[in-house]
PDB file of all heavy atoms in Angstrom:
ATOM      1  N   GLY A   1     -12.660  -7.932  19.694  1.00  0.00           N
ATOM      2  CA  GLY A   1     -13.694  -8.140  18.703  1.00  0.00           C
ATOM      3  C   GLY A   1     -14.601  -9.257  19.073  1.00  0.00           C
ATOM      4  O   GLY A   1     -14.664  -9.658  20.234  1.00  0.00           O
ATOM      5  N   PRO A   2     -15.328  -9.823  18.125  1.00  0.00           N
ATOM      6  CA  PRO A   2     -16.269 -10.882  18.411  1.00  0.00           C
ATOM      7  C   PRO A   2     -15.539 -12.102  18.961  1.00  0.00           C
ATOM      8  O   PRO A   2     -14.427 -12.395  18.598  1.00  0.00           O
ATOM      9  CB  PRO A   2     -16.921 -11.200  17.048  1.00  0.00           C
ATOM     10  CG  PRO A   2     -15.913 -10.692  16.041  1.00  0.00           C
ATOM     11  CD  PRO A   2     -15.279  -9.512  16.680  1.00  0.00           C
ATOM     12  N   PRO A   3     -16.202 -12.796  19.878  1.00  0.00           N
ATOM     13  CA  PRO A   3     -15.508 -13.904  20.564  1.00  0.00           C
ATOM     14  C   PRO A   3     -15.258 -15.125  19.665  1.00  0.00           C
ATOM     15  O   PRO A   3     -16.131 -15.474  18.858  1.00  0.00           O
ATOM     16  CB  PRO A   3     -16.474 -14.288  21.692  1.00  0.00           C
ATOM     17  CG  PRO A   3     -17.806 -13.838  21.198  1.00  0.00           C
ATOM     18  CD  PRO A   3     -17.570 -12.610  20.376  1.00  0.00           C
ATOM     19  N   VAL A   4     -14.067 -15.665  19.812  1.00  0.00           N
ATOM     20  CA  VAL A   4     -13.753 -16.949  19.160  1.00  0.00           C
ATOM     21  C   VAL A   4     -14.252 -18.064  20.047  1.00  0.00           C
ATOM     22  O   VAL A   4     -13.888 -18.137  21.211  1.00  0.00           O
ATOM     23  CB  VAL A   4     -12.236 -17.052  18.929  1.00  0.00           C
ATOM     24  CG1 VAL A   4     -11.880 -18.424  18.404  1.00  0.00           C
ATOM     25  CG2 VAL A   4     -11.754 -15.974  17.970  1.00  0.00           C
ATOM     26  N   ILE A   5     -15.100 -18.916  19.500  1.00  0.00           N
ATOM     27  CA  ILE A   5     -15.666 -19.993  20.320  1.00  0.00           C
ATOM     28  C   ILE A   5     -14.956 -21.338  20.088  1.00  0.00           C
ATOM     29  O   ILE A   5     -15.133 -22.258  20.877  1.00  0.00           O
ATOM     30  CB  ILE A   5     -17.200 -20.174  20.089  1.00  0.00           C
ATOM     31  CG1 ILE A   5     -17.475 -20.532  18.595  1.00  0.00           C
ATOM     32  CG2 ILE A   5     -17.918 -18.907  20.486  1.00  0.00           C
ATOM     33  CD1 ILE A   5     -18.943 -20.879  18.370  1.00  0.00           C
ATOM     34  N   ALA A   6     -14.159 -21.414  19.022  1.00  0.00           N
ATOM     35  CA  ALA A   6     -13.415 -22.662  18.757  1.00  0.00           C
ATOM     36  C   ALA A   6     -12.215 -22.313  17.890  1.00  0.00           C
ATOM     37  O   ALA A   6     -12.318 -21.472  16.972  1.00  0.00           O
ATOM     38  CB  ALA A   6     -14.283 -23.677  18.086  1.00  0.00           C
ATOM     39  N   LEU A   7     -11.098 -22.943  18.182  1.00  0.00           N
ATOM     40  CA  LEU A   7      -9.902 -22.765  17.385  1.00  0.00           C
ATOM     41  C   LEU A   7      -9.121 -24.078  17.439  1.00  0.00           C
ATOM     42  O   LEU A   7      -8.968 -24.668  18.522  1.00  0.00           O
ATOM     43  CB  LEU A   7      -9.039 -21.631  17.932  1.00  0.00           C
ATOM     44  CG  LEU A   7      -7.800 -21.196  17.098  1.00  0.00           C
ATOM     45  CD1 LEU A   7      -8.244 -20.517  15.835  1.00  0.00           C
ATOM     46  CD2 LEU A   7      -6.889 -20.312  17.930  1.00  0.00           C
ATOM     47  N   VAL A   8      -8.667 -24.545  16.273  1.00  0.00           N
ATOM     48  CA  VAL A   8      -7.908 -25.807  16.229  1.00  0.00           C
ATOM     49  C   VAL A   8      -6.596 -25.664  15.472  1.00  0.00           C
ATOM     50  O   VAL A   8      -6.468 -24.751  14.635  1.00  0.00           O
ATOM     51  CB  VAL A   8      -8.782 -26.961  15.587  1.00  0.00           C
ATOM     52  CG1 VAL A   8     -10.034 -27.201  16.352  1.00  0.00           C
ATOM     53  CG2 VAL A   8      -9.058 -26.639  14.104  1.00  0.00           C
ATOM     54  N   LEU A   9      -5.702 -26.551  15.727  1.00  0.00           N
ATOM     55  CA  LEU A   9      -4.503 -26.696  14.921  1.00  0.00           C
ATOM     56  C   LEU A   9      -4.805 -27.692  13.821  1.00  0.00           C
ATOM     57  O   LEU A   9      -5.144 -28.830  14.073  1.00  0.00           O
ATOM     58  CB  LEU A   9      -3.336 -27.203  15.802  1.00  0.00           C
ATOM     59  CG  LEU A   9      -2.016 -27.516  15.079  1.00  0.00           C
ATOM     60  CD1 LEU A   9      -1.418 -26.194  14.520  1.00  0.00           C
ATOM     61  CD2 LEU A   9      -1.007 -28.156  16.019  1.00  0.00           C
ATOM     62  N   SER A  10      -4.671 -27.170  12.591  1.00  0.00           N
ATOM     63  CA  SER A  10      -5.022 -27.981  11.422  1.00  0.00           C
ATOM     64  C   SER A  10      -3.768 -28.241  10.599  1.00  0.00           C
ATOM     65  O   SER A  10      -2.664 -28.257  11.116  1.00  0.00           O
ATOM     66  CB  SER A  10      -6.096 -27.248  10.612  1.00  0.00           C
ATOM     67  OG  SER A  10      -6.530 -27.993   9.484  1.00  0.00           O
ATOM     68  N   GLY A  11      -3.951 -28.512   9.286  1.00  0.00           N
ATOM     69  CA  GLY A  11      -2.790 -28.666   8.402  1.00  0.00           C
ATOM     70  C   GLY A  11      -1.995 -29.918   8.667  1.00  0.00           C
ATOM     71  O   GLY A  11      -2.480 -30.928   9.192  1.00  0.00           O
ATOM     72  N   ALA A  12      -0.679 -29.871   8.349  1.00  0.00           N
ATOM     73  CA  ALA A  12       0.169 -31.036   8.396  1.00  0.00           C
ATOM     74  C   ALA A  12       0.230 -31.657   9.768  1.00  0.00           C
ATOM     75  O   ALA A  12       0.416 -32.874   9.902  1.00  0.00           O
ATOM     76  CB  ALA A  12       1.546 -30.645   7.895  1.00  0.00           C
ATOM     77  N   HIS A  13       0.123 -30.855  10.831  1.00  0.00           N
ATOM     78  CA  HIS A  13       0.190 -31.423  12.165  1.00  0.00           C
ATOM     79  C   HIS A  13      -1.014 -32.342  12.421  1.00  0.00           C
ATOM     80  O   HIS A  13      -0.852 -33.443  12.973  1.00  0.00           O
ATOM     81  CB  HIS A  13       0.213 -30.306  13.219  1.00  0.00           C
ATOM     82  CG  HIS A  13       1.525 -29.599  13.249  1.00  0.00           C
ATOM     83  ND1 HIS A  13       1.804 -28.477  12.452  1.00  0.00           N
ATOM     84  CD2 HIS A  13       2.620 -29.792  13.962  1.00  0.00           C
ATOM     85  CE1 HIS A  13       3.016 -28.075  12.690  1.00  0.00           C
ATOM     86  NE2 HIS A  13       3.537 -28.845  13.627  1.00  0.00           N
ATOM     87  N   ALA A  14      -2.208 -31.920  12.009  1.00  0.00           N
ATOM     88  CA  ALA A  14      -3.379 -32.736  12.201  1.00  0.00           C
ATOM     89  C   ALA A  14      -3.344 -33.943  11.258  1.00  0.00           C
ATOM     90  O   ALA A  14      -3.988 -34.994  11.558  1.00  0.00           O
ATOM     91  CB  ALA A  14      -4.633 -31.916  11.935  1.00  0.00           C
ATOM     92  N   TYR A  15      -2.636 -33.841  10.153  1.00  0.00           N
ATOM     93  CA  TYR A  15      -2.639 -34.892   9.160  1.00  0.00           C
ATOM     94  C   TYR A  15      -1.564 -35.962   9.439  1.00  0.00           C
ATOM     95  O   TYR A  15      -1.497 -37.008   8.796  1.00  0.00           O
ATOM     96  CB  TYR A  15      -2.395 -34.343   7.767  1.00  0.00           C
ATOM     97  CG  TYR A  15      -3.359 -33.258   7.341  1.00  0.00           C
ATOM     98  CD1 TYR A  15      -3.034 -32.342   6.383  1.00  0.00           C
ATOM     99  CD2 TYR A  15      -4.638 -33.165   7.965  1.00  0.00           C
ATOM    100  CE1 TYR A  15      -3.926 -31.330   6.016  1.00  0.00           C
ATOM    101  CE2 TYR A  15      -5.516 -32.168   7.593  1.00  0.00           C
ATOM    102  CZ  TYR A  15      -5.157 -31.250   6.625  1.00  0.00           C
ATOM    103  OH  TYR A  15      -6.018 -30.216   6.264  1.00  0.00           O
ATOM    104  N   GLY A  16      -0.681 -35.672  10.428  1.00  0.00           N
ATOM    105  CA  GLY A  16       0.315 -36.666  10.821  1.00  0.00           C
ATOM    106  C   GLY A  16       1.652 -36.588  10.141  1.00  0.00           C
ATOM    107  O   GLY A  16       2.482 -37.491  10.289  1.00  0.00           O
ATOM    108  N   PHE A  17       1.919 -35.482   9.374  1.00  0.00           N
ATOM    109  CA  PHE A  17       3.189 -35.418   8.700  1.00  0.00           C
ATOM    110  C   PHE A  17       3.790 -34.011   8.646  1.00  0.00           C
ATOM    111  O   PHE A  17       4.150 -33.500   7.570  1.00  0.00           O
ATOM    112  CB  PHE A  17       3.093 -35.995   7.290  1.00  0.00           C
ATOM    113  CG  PHE A  17       1.892 -35.604   6.484  1.00  0.00           C
ATOM    114  CD1 PHE A  17       1.761 -34.340   5.938  1.00  0.00           C
ATOM    115  CD2 PHE A  17       0.856 -36.526   6.307  1.00  0.00           C
ATOM    116  CE1 PHE A  17       0.670 -34.006   5.188  1.00  0.00           C
ATOM    117  CE2 PHE A  17      -0.264 -36.176   5.546  1.00  0.00           C
ATOM    118  CZ  PHE A  17      -0.342 -34.900   4.966  1.00  0.00           C
ATOM    119  N   PRO A  18       3.942 -33.343   9.798  1.00  0.00           N
ATOM    120  CA  PRO A  18       4.602 -32.021   9.744  1.00  0.00           C
ATOM    121  C   PRO A  18       6.082 -32.157   9.425  1.00  0.00           C
ATOM    122  O   PRO A  18       6.718 -33.169   9.814  1.00  0.00           O
ATOM    123  CB  PRO A  18       4.424 -31.537  11.191  1.00  0.00           C
ATOM    124  CG  PRO A  18       4.324 -32.756  12.009  1.00  0.00           C
ATOM    125  CD  PRO A  18       3.595 -33.726  11.153  1.00  0.00           C
ATOM    126  N   SER A  19       6.618 -31.187   8.706  1.00  0.00           N
ATOM    127  CA  SER A  19       8.039 -31.088   8.463  1.00  0.00           C
ATOM    128  C   SER A  19       8.636 -30.072   9.461  1.00  0.00           C
ATOM    129  O   SER A  19       7.905 -29.283  10.068  1.00  0.00           O
ATOM    130  CB  SER A  19       8.277 -30.595   7.008  1.00  0.00           C
ATOM    131  OG  SER A  19       7.616 -31.431   6.086  1.00  0.00           O
ATOM    132  N   PRO A  20       9.960 -30.049   9.585  1.00  0.00           N
ATOM    133  CA  PRO A  20      10.554 -29.061  10.478  1.00  0.00           C
ATOM    134  C   PRO A  20      10.171 -27.619  10.113  1.00  0.00           C
ATOM    135  O   PRO A  20      10.153 -26.741  10.987  1.00  0.00           O
ATOM    136  CB  PRO A  20      12.066 -29.309  10.296  1.00  0.00           C
ATOM    137  CG  PRO A  20      12.163 -30.742   9.883  1.00  0.00           C
ATOM    138  CD  PRO A  20      10.980 -30.988   9.028  1.00  0.00           C
ATOM    139  N   ASP A  21       9.928 -27.377   8.834  1.00  0.00           N
ATOM    140  CA  ASP A  21       9.571 -26.012   8.403  1.00  0.00           C
ATOM    141  C   ASP A  21       8.060 -25.822   8.143  1.00  0.00           C
ATOM    142  O   ASP A  21       7.647 -24.860   7.522  1.00  0.00           O
ATOM    143  CB  ASP A  21      10.341 -25.628   7.156  1.00  0.00           C
ATOM    144  CG  ASP A  21      10.180 -26.651   6.003  1.00  0.00           C
ATOM    145  OD1 ASP A  21       9.691 -27.772   6.254  1.00  0.00           O
ATOM    146  OD2 ASP A  21      10.574 -26.318   4.871  1.00  0.00           O
ATOM    147  N   SER A  22       7.220 -26.774   8.650  1.00  0.00           N
ATOM    148  CA  SER A  22       5.786 -26.586   8.501  1.00  0.00           C
ATOM    149  C   SER A  22       5.292 -25.403   9.317  1.00  0.00           C
ATOM    150  O   SER A  22       5.775 -25.164  10.454  1.00  0.00           O
ATOM    151  CB  SER A  22       5.045 -27.856   8.990  1.00  0.00           C
ATOM    152  OG  SER A  22       5.255 -28.928   8.120  1.00  0.00           O
ATOM    153  N   ASP A  23       4.315 -24.672   8.763  1.00  0.00           N
ATOM    154  CA  ASP A  23       3.734 -23.557   9.543  1.00  0.00           C
ATOM    155  C   ASP A  23       2.700 -24.111  10.532  1.00  0.00           C
ATOM    156  O   ASP A  23       2.430 -25.289  10.575  1.00  0.00           O
ATOM    157  CB  ASP A  23       3.068 -22.528   8.602  1.00  0.00           C
ATOM    158  CG  ASP A  23       1.852 -23.093   7.843  1.00  0.00           C
ATOM    159  OD1 ASP A  23       1.517 -24.290   8.042  1.00  0.00           O
ATOM    160  OD2 ASP A  23       1.247 -22.356   7.059  1.00  0.00           O
ATOM    161  N   LEU A  24       2.205 -23.235  11.372  1.00  0.00           N
ATOM    162  CA  LEU A  24       1.128 -23.577  12.267  1.00  0.00           C
ATOM    163  C   LEU A  24      -0.183 -23.061  11.634  1.00  0.00           C
ATOM    164  O   LEU A  24      -0.348 -21.868  11.474  1.00  0.00           O
ATOM    165  CB  LEU A  24       1.319 -22.947  13.666  1.00  0.00           C
ATOM    166  CG  LEU A  24       2.548 -23.488  14.438  1.00  0.00           C
ATOM    167  CD1 LEU A  24       2.547 -22.857  15.840  1.00  0.00           C
ATOM    168  CD2 LEU A  24       2.566 -24.980  14.548  1.00  0.00           C
ATOM    169  N   ASP A  25      -1.043 -23.991  11.285  1.00  0.00           N
ATOM    170  CA  ASP A  25      -2.277 -23.671  10.589  1.00  0.00           C
ATOM    171  C   ASP A  25      -3.411 -23.622  11.614  1.00  0.00           C
ATOM    172  O   ASP A  25      -3.870 -24.657  12.113  1.00  0.00           O
ATOM    173  CB  ASP A  25      -2.539 -24.801   9.552  1.00  0.00           C
ATOM    174  CG  ASP A  25      -3.452 -24.357   8.443  1.00  0.00           C
ATOM    175  OD1 ASP A  25      -3.827 -23.183   8.394  1.00  0.00           O
ATOM    176  OD2 ASP A  25      -3.824 -25.211   7.640  1.00  0.00           O
ATOM    177  N   LEU A  26      -3.855 -22.413  11.962  1.00  0.00           N
ATOM    178  CA  LEU A  26      -4.815 -22.183  13.021  1.00  0.00           C
ATOM    179  C   LEU A  26      -6.145 -21.807  12.444  1.00  0.00           C
ATOM    180  O   LEU A  26      -6.252 -20.727  11.782  1.00  0.00           O
ATOM    181  CB  LEU A  26      -4.280 -21.099  13.980  1.00  0.00           C
ATOM    182  CG  LEU A  26      -2.820 -21.170  14.368  1.00  0.00           C
ATOM    183  CD1 LEU A  26      -2.397 -19.937  15.163  1.00  0.00           C
ATOM    184  CD2 LEU A  26      -2.512 -22.458  15.100  1.00  0.00           C
ATOM    185  N   LYS A  27      -7.187 -22.622  12.647  1.00  0.00           N
ATOM    186  CA  LYS A  27      -8.480 -22.342  12.033  1.00  0.00           C
ATOM    187  C   LYS A  27      -9.573 -22.304  13.095  1.00  0.00           C
ATOM    188  O   LYS A  27      -9.614 -23.196  13.964  1.00  0.00           O
ATOM    189  CB  LYS A  27      -8.809 -23.445  11.025  1.00  0.00           C
ATOM    190  CG  LYS A  27      -7.769 -23.599   9.916  1.00  0.00           C
ATOM    191  CD  LYS A  27      -7.605 -22.320   9.088  1.00  0.00           C
ATOM    192  CE  LYS A  27      -6.532 -22.493   8.028  1.00  0.00           C
ATOM    193  NZ  LYS A  27      -6.235 -21.180   7.346  1.00  0.00           N
ATOM    194  N   GLY A  28     -10.427 -21.300  13.035  1.00  0.00           N
ATOM    195  CA  GLY A  28     -11.422 -21.150  14.080  1.00  0.00           C
ATOM    196  C   GLY A  28     -12.734 -20.575  13.622  1.00  0.00           C
ATOM    197  O   GLY A  28     -12.924 -20.262  12.460  1.00  0.00           O
ATOM    198  N   THR A  29     -13.612 -20.390  14.613  1.00  0.00           N
ATOM    199  CA  THR A  29     -14.955 -19.876  14.393  1.00  0.00           C
ATOM    200  C   THR A  29     -15.261 -18.816  15.423  1.00  0.00           C
ATOM    201  O   THR A  29     -14.976 -18.989  16.626  1.00  0.00           O
ATOM    202  CB  THR A  29     -16.001 -21.015  14.541  1.00  0.00           C
ATOM    203  OG1 THR A  29     -15.655 -22.068  13.631  1.00  0.00           O
ATOM    204  CG2 THR A  29     -17.421 -20.521  14.237  1.00  0.00           C
ATOM    205  N   HIS A  30     -15.767 -17.670  14.967  1.00  0.00           N
ATOM    206  CA  HIS A  30     -16.208 -16.626  15.858  1.00  0.00           C
ATOM    207  C   HIS A  30     -17.668 -16.294  15.639  1.00  0.00           C
ATOM    208  O   HIS A  30     -18.309 -16.765  14.721  1.00  0.00           O
ATOM    209  CB  HIS A  30     -15.312 -15.365  15.707  1.00  0.00           C
ATOM    210  CG  HIS A  30     -15.492 -14.689  14.386  1.00  0.00           C
ATOM    211  ND1 HIS A  30     -14.648 -14.937  13.275  1.00  0.00           N
ATOM    212  CD2 HIS A  30     -16.379 -13.759  13.952  1.00  0.00           C
ATOM    213  CE1 HIS A  30     -15.041 -14.219  12.247  1.00  0.00           C
ATOM    214  NE2 HIS A  30     -16.094 -13.505  12.637  1.00  0.00           N
ATOM    215  N   VAL A  31     -18.208 -15.442  16.516  1.00  0.00           N
ATOM    216  CA  VAL A  31     -19.596 -15.090  16.454  1.00  0.00           C
ATOM    217  C   VAL A  31     -19.751 -13.601  16.230  1.00  0.00           C
ATOM    218  O   VAL A  31     -19.332 -12.767  17.044  1.00  0.00           O
ATOM    219  CB  VAL A  31     -20.373 -15.481  17.755  1.00  0.00           C
ATOM    220  CG1 VAL A  31     -21.834 -15.164  17.620  1.00  0.00           C
ATOM    221  CG2 VAL A  31     -20.162 -16.972  18.051  1.00  0.00           C
ATOM    222  N   GLU A  32     -20.353 -13.217  15.108  1.00  0.00           N
ATOM    223  CA  GLU A  32     -20.734 -11.830  14.876  1.00  0.00           C
ATOM    224  C   GLU A  32     -22.083 -11.556  15.517  1.00  0.00           C
ATOM    225  O   GLU A  32     -22.994 -12.403  15.382  1.00  0.00           O
ATOM    226  CB  GLU A  32     -20.781 -11.538  13.365  1.00  0.00           C
ATOM    227  CG  GLU A  32     -19.467 -11.671  12.648  1.00  0.00           C
ATOM    228  CD  GLU A  32     -18.519 -10.539  12.895  1.00  0.00           C
ATOM    229  OE1 GLU A  32     -18.898  -9.575  13.610  1.00  0.00           O
ATOM    230  OE2 GLU A  32     -17.374 -10.600  12.434  1.00  0.00           O
ATOM    231  N   GLY A  33     -22.240 -10.436  16.156  1.00  0.00           N
ATOM    232  CA  GLY A  33     -23.547 -10.113  16.752  1.00  0.00           C
ATOM    233  C   GLY A  33     -24.544  -9.691  15.696  1.00  0.00           C
ATOM    234  O   GLY A  33     -24.209  -9.275  14.570  1.00  0.00           O
ATOM    235  N   ALA A  34     -25.826  -9.745  16.071  1.00  0.00           N
ATOM    236  CA  ALA A  34     -26.888  -9.413  15.154  1.00  0.00           C
ATOM    237  C   ALA A  34     -26.777  -7.949  14.683  1.00  0.00           C
ATOM    238  O   ALA A  34     -27.075  -7.646  13.535  1.00  0.00           O
ATOM    239  CB  ALA A  34     -28.252  -9.645  15.798  1.00  0.00           C
ATOM    240  N   GLU A  35     -26.363  -7.058  15.564  1.00  0.00           N
ATOM    241  CA  GLU A  35     -26.289  -5.626  15.195  1.00  0.00           C
ATOM    242  C   GLU A  35     -25.350  -5.422  14.042  1.00  0.00           C
ATOM    243  O   GLU A  35     -25.642  -4.723  13.074  1.00  0.00           O
ATOM    244  CB  GLU A  35     -25.804  -4.789  16.396  1.00  0.00           C
ATOM    245  CG  GLU A  35     -25.716  -3.294  16.073  1.00  0.00           C
ATOM    246  CD  GLU A  35     -25.248  -2.490  17.275  1.00  0.00           C
ATOM    247  OE1 GLU A  35     -25.124  -3.047  18.364  1.00  0.00           O
ATOM    248  OE2 GLU A  35     -24.988  -1.275  17.061  1.00  0.00           O
ATOM    249  N   ARG A  36     -24.173  -6.054  14.076  1.00  0.00           N
ATOM    250  CA  ARG A  36     -23.232  -5.915  12.953  1.00  0.00           C
ATOM    251  C   ARG A  36     -23.793  -6.489  11.683  1.00  0.00           C
ATOM    252  O   ARG A  36     -23.663  -5.888  10.603  1.00  0.00           O
ATOM    253  CB  ARG A  36     -21.908  -6.613  13.316  1.00  0.00           C
ATOM    254  CG  ARG A  36     -20.943  -6.625  12.133  1.00  0.00           C
ATOM    255  CD  ARG A  36     -19.649  -7.325  12.465  1.00  0.00           C
ATOM    256  NE  ARG A  36     -18.856  -7.531  11.271  1.00  0.00           N
ATOM    257  CZ  ARG A  36     -18.079  -6.640  10.677  1.00  0.00           C
ATOM    258  NH1 ARG A  36     -18.011  -5.394  11.197  1.00  0.00           N
ATOM    259  NH2 ARG A  36     -17.405  -6.926   9.613  1.00  0.00           N
ATOM    260  N   LEU A  37     -24.441  -7.618  11.768  1.00  0.00           N
ATOM    261  CA  LEU A  37     -24.944  -8.253  10.562  1.00  0.00           C
ATOM    262  C   LEU A  37     -26.073  -7.476   9.933  1.00  0.00           C
ATOM    263  O   LEU A  37     -26.316  -7.572   8.703  1.00  0.00           O
ATOM    264  CB  LEU A  37     -25.446  -9.658  10.884  1.00  0.00           C
ATOM    265  CG  LEU A  37     -24.397 -10.680  11.391  1.00  0.00           C
ATOM    266  CD1 LEU A  37     -25.039 -12.012  11.704  1.00  0.00           C
ATOM    267  CD2 LEU A  37     -23.274 -10.819  10.383  1.00  0.00           C
ATOM    268  N   LEU A  38     -26.772  -6.656  10.701  1.00  0.00           N
ATOM    269  CA  LEU A  38     -27.908  -5.906  10.190  1.00  0.00           C
ATOM    270  C   LEU A  38     -27.494  -4.515   9.636  1.00  0.00           C
ATOM    271  O   LEU A  38     -28.326  -3.810   9.057  1.00  0.00           O
ATOM    272  CB  LEU A  38     -28.983  -5.724  11.265  1.00  0.00           C
ATOM    273  CG  LEU A  38     -29.690  -7.053  11.721  1.00  0.00           C
ATOM    274  CD1 LEU A  38     -30.545  -6.828  12.893  1.00  0.00           C
ATOM    275  CD2 LEU A  38     -30.471  -7.623  10.544  1.00  0.00           C
ATOM    276  N   ARG A  39     -26.254  -4.113   9.842  1.00  0.00           N
ATOM    277  CA  ARG A  39     -25.824  -2.824   9.343  1.00  0.00           C
ATOM    278  C   ARG A  39     -25.774  -2.829   7.813  1.00  0.00           C
ATOM    279  O   ARG A  39     -25.561  -3.842   7.176  1.00  0.00           O
ATOM    280  CB  ARG A  39     -24.407  -2.492   9.884  1.00  0.00           C
ATOM    281  CG  ARG A  39     -24.400  -2.226  11.377  1.00  0.00           C
ATOM    282  CD  ARG A  39     -22.940  -2.002  11.794  1.00  0.00           C
ATOM    283  NE  ARG A  39     -22.850  -1.848  13.258  1.00  0.00           N
ATOM    284  CZ  ARG A  39     -21.670  -1.820  13.887  1.00  0.00           C
ATOM    285  NH1 ARG A  39     -20.546  -1.945  13.179  1.00  0.00           N
ATOM    286  NH2 ARG A  39     -21.670  -1.675  15.194  1.00  0.00           N
ATOM    287  N   ILE A  40     -25.918  -1.624   7.252  1.00  0.00           N
ATOM    288  CA  ILE A  40     -25.814  -1.464   5.802  1.00  0.00           C
ATOM    289  C   ILE A  40     -24.377  -1.818   5.365  1.00  0.00           C
ATOM    290  O   ILE A  40     -23.422  -1.271   5.870  1.00  0.00           O
ATOM    291  CB  ILE A  40     -26.175  -0.041   5.360  1.00  0.00           C
ATOM    292  CG1 ILE A  40     -27.624   0.270   5.701  1.00  0.00           C
ATOM    293  CG2 ILE A  40     -25.933   0.141   3.866  1.00  0.00           C
ATOM    294  CD1 ILE A  40     -28.047   1.695   5.421  1.00  0.00           C
ATOM    295  N   GLY A  41     -24.288  -2.692   4.393  1.00  0.00           N
ATOM    296  CA  GLY A  41     -23.024  -3.043   3.860  1.00  0.00           C
ATOM    297  C   GLY A  41     -22.135  -3.921   4.698  1.00  0.00           C
ATOM    298  O   GLY A  41     -21.018  -4.244   4.341  1.00  0.00           O
TER     299      GLY A  41
END
């Protein structure tokens, strides 16, 4: 699909206090092409 240009580890790991059962919070940004954005709906 559309390319991911950035992805970071967020959540408790980035905040300095992960627990043994903390999840991995992965947040990123991708790019939709103009053709998709111009389609109906």
